[in-house]
Amino acid sequence: MGPSYSGYTVGVTAQYGGVGIVISSGSATIRVEVVTAKGVPVDGAAVVLSTTLGTLGAAALTTVNGVITTTLTAPAVVGTAYITATVENATATTTVPILAF
């Protein structure tokens, strides 16, 4: 999606070693970056997070130097978690595979 009402761009990534996280015990770090149209990090942007699987450590955070991080904890089922970050009307989504080994 394009920039927000204020011209911000949002990006979201998931960091987890390997090919995914393990059901019931795995976790991934979710990192969101918010920048202006010129690429300047935005302080104080309100970020709302949601997921289709698992539990987020926090669902609403405010950026510091353009960044927020939280944790996704794996559910007890296999699947793909879709994590969406929203700032104003701009969204970005990333995925985390939930696996059983």
Protein backbone atom coordinates (compact mmCIF):
# COMPACT_ATOMS: atom_id res chain seq x y z
CA MET A 1 0.00 0.00 0.00
CA GLY A 2 1.16 3.56 -0.57
CA PRO A 3 2.15 6.14 2.00
CA SER A 4 0.01 7.11 4.97
CA TYR A 5 -2.00 10.33 5.31
CA SER A 6 1.15 11.97 6.69
CA GLY A 7 3.34 10.58 3.90
CA TYR A 8 4.91 7.85 6.05
CA THR A 9 5.97 4.49 4.66
CA VAL A 10 5.79 1.39 6.86
CA GLY A 11 7.81 -1.80 6.55
CA VAL A 12 7.64 -4.98 8.66
CA THR A 13 10.03 -7.93 8.89
CA ALA A 14 10.15 -11.12 10.93
CA GLN A 15 13.43 -12.44 12.31
CA TYR A 16 13.63 -16.14 13.22
CA GLY A 17 16.46 -18.57 12.59
CA GLY A 18 15.94 -21.40 10.13
CA VAL A 19 12.81 -22.10 8.11
CA GLY A 20 10.19 -21.13 10.71
CA ILE A 21 9.29 -21.34 14.38
CA VAL A 22 8.20 -24.45 16.28
CA ILE A 23 4.59 -24.83 17.45
CA SER A 24 3.92 -24.07 21.12
CA SER A 25 7.48 -22.99 21.94
CA GLY A 26 9.01 -20.93 19.12
CA SER A 27 9.13 -17.19 18.76
CA ALA A 28 10.10 -14.59 16.19
CA THR A 29 11.11 -10.96 16.55
CA ILE A 30 8.84 -8.62 14.61
CA ARG A 31 10.46 -5.35 13.54
CA VAL A 32 8.58 -2.40 12.08
CA GLU A 33 10.19 0.65 10.51
CA VAL A 34 8.38 3.91 9.75
CA VAL A 35 10.02 6.57 7.56
CA THR A 36 9.06 9.76 5.78
CA ALA A 37 8.95 10.05 1.99
CA LYS A 38 12.61 11.15 2.17
CA GLY A 39 13.61 8.10 4.23
CA VAL A 40 13.90 9.91 7.58
CA PRO A 41 12.93 7.73 10.59
CA VAL A 42 9.69 8.89 12.27
CA ASP A 43 9.67 9.33 16.06
CA GLY A 44 6.34 8.88 17.81
CA ALA A 45 4.41 7.11 15.04
CA ALA A 46 1.58 4.94 16.44
CA VAL A 47 1.87 1.39 15.07
CA VAL A 48 -0.93 -1.17 15.41
CA LEU A 49 -0.01 -4.84 14.90
CA SER A 50 -2.19 -7.87 14.25
CA THR A 51 -1.55 -11.55 13.52
CA THR A 52 -3.58 -14.41 12.12
CA LEU A 53 -1.77 -17.04 14.25
CA GLY A 54 0.12 -16.88 17.51
CA THR A 55 0.37 -14.14 20.10
CA LEU A 56 2.06 -10.78 19.80
CA GLY A 57 3.98 -9.35 22.75
CA ALA A 58 2.34 -5.98 22.07
CA ALA A 59 -0.34 -4.95 19.59
CA ALA A 60 0.14 -1.17 19.79
CA LEU A 61 3.50 0.57 20.05
CA THR A 62 5.07 3.95 19.33
CA THR A 63 8.23 4.26 17.25
CA VAL A 64 11.54 5.44 18.63
CA ASN A 65 13.96 6.53 15.89
CA GLY A 66 11.47 5.06 13.41
CA VAL A 67 11.52 1.52 14.84
CA ILE A 68 9.46 -0.76 17.09
CA THR A 69 10.03 -4.42 17.91
CA THR A 70 7.86 -7.04 19.54
CA THR A 71 7.70 -10.83 19.70
CA LEU A 72 5.42 -13.33 18.00
CA THR A 73 4.97 -16.50 20.08
CA ALA A 74 3.94 -19.63 18.18
CA PRO A 75 0.49 -21.16 18.69
CA ALA A 76 -0.16 -24.88 19.19
CA VAL A 77 -1.06 -25.37 15.51
CA VAL A 78 0.90 -25.55 12.27
CA GLY A 79 0.33 -22.84 9.66
CA THR A 80 1.51 -19.46 8.49
CA ALA A 81 1.17 -16.38 10.67
CA TYR A 82 0.46 -13.20 8.72
CA ILE A 83 1.61 -10.19 10.76
CA THR A 84 0.29 -6.80 9.65
CA ALA A 85 1.61 -3.44 10.80
CA THR A 86 -0.59 -0.37 10.32
CA VAL A 87 0.36 3.30 10.60
CA GLU A 88 -2.55 5.64 9.87
CA ASN A 89 -3.88 4.20 6.58
CA ALA A 90 -0.64 2.50 5.45
CA THR A 91 -0.06 -1.22 6.05
CA ALA A 92 2.69 -3.78 5.53
CA THR A 93 2.57 -7.53 6.06
CA THR A 94 5.12 -10.27 6.66
CA THR A 95 4.78 -14.00 7.27
CA VAL A 96 6.18 -16.48 9.78
CA PRO A 97 5.90 -20.24 9.13
CA ILE A 98 4.73 -22.21 12.18
CA LEU A 99 6.16 -25.73 11.97
CA ALA A 100 6.07 -29.05 13.84
CA PHE A 101 9.40 -30.90 13.94
